[in-house]
C-alpha cells in the first residue's frame, strides 16, 4: 500500500509542505525548499499544496 502525501509534522518551516514532499520522495527538505525558490509560480503552487495536503498525524 502506498503512503499518502501529507504535510510533515516534524520538518516544518511554514506549513510543512516541503518537508512532506521530501519525506514522500525520500529527499532532502533543503533541496525541496530550494527547488520551490527557483520554480516559476512557486507561491501559487505552495498555497494550493498547503490547503489541499492533509496534516500528518502527530505522535507523542
Protein backbone atom coordinates (compact mmCIF):
# COMPACT_ATOMS: atom_id res chain seq x y z
CA UNK A 1 0.00 0.00 0.00
CA UNK A 2 1.42 3.39 -0.93
CA UNK A 3 1.90 6.20 1.56
CA UNK A 4 -0.29 9.27 1.19
CA UNK A 5 1.32 12.63 0.51
CA UNK A 6 0.94 14.61 3.73
CA UNK A 7 2.42 17.65 5.40
CA UNK A 8 5.33 16.94 7.70
CA UNK A 9 4.68 17.05 11.44
CA UNK A 10 8.36 17.29 12.37
CA UNK A 11 10.08 19.08 9.49
CA UNK A 12 8.13 22.33 9.19
CA UNK A 13 9.17 25.83 8.30
CA UNK A 14 5.81 27.35 7.43
CA UNK A 15 3.15 24.72 6.78
CA UNK A 16 5.22 21.54 6.37
CA UNK A 17 4.60 21.22 2.63
CA UNK A 18 8.25 20.96 1.56
CA UNK A 19 9.01 18.64 4.48
CA UNK A 20 6.12 16.39 3.50
CA UNK A 21 7.22 16.27 -0.14
CA UNK A 22 10.77 15.49 0.97
CA UNK A 23 9.60 12.66 3.24
CA UNK A 24 7.38 11.21 0.49
CA UNK A 25 10.16 11.13 -2.12
CA UNK A 26 12.96 10.48 0.42
CA UNK A 27 14.80 13.69 -0.47
CA UNK A 28 16.48 16.45 1.47
CA UNK A 29 13.98 19.07 2.72
CA UNK A 30 16.51 21.80 1.98
CA UNK A 31 16.69 20.66 -1.64
CA UNK A 32 12.90 20.75 -1.97
CA UNK A 33 12.80 24.25 -0.45
CA UNK A 34 15.49 25.44 -2.86
CA UNK A 35 13.55 23.92 -5.75
CA UNK A 36 10.48 25.91 -4.69
CA UNK A 37 12.58 29.08 -4.80
CA UNK A 38 13.52 28.63 -8.47
CA UNK A 39 10.20 27.28 -9.82
CA UNK A 40 8.08 29.97 -11.52
CA UNK A 41 4.72 30.44 -9.83
CA UNK A 42 6.06 28.93 -6.63
CA UNK A 43 3.85 30.95 -4.26
CA UNK A 44 0.67 29.84 -6.00
CA UNK A 45 1.78 26.18 -6.09
CA UNK A 46 2.80 26.29 -2.43
CA UNK A 47 -0.52 27.80 -1.31
CA UNK A 48 -2.52 25.23 -3.27
CA UNK A 49 -0.50 22.40 -1.70
CA UNK A 50 -0.71 23.93 1.78
CA UNK A 51 -4.50 24.00 1.56
CA UNK A 52 -5.00 20.65 -0.13
CA UNK A 53 -2.50 18.37 1.64
CA UNK A 54 -3.66 16.64 4.80
CA UNK A 55 -1.80 17.09 8.07
CA UNK A 56 0.39 14.23 9.26
CA UNK A 57 -0.79 12.54 12.44
CA UNK A 58 1.01 13.94 15.48
CA UNK A 59 2.51 11.36 17.79
CA UNK A 60 3.50 11.92 21.38
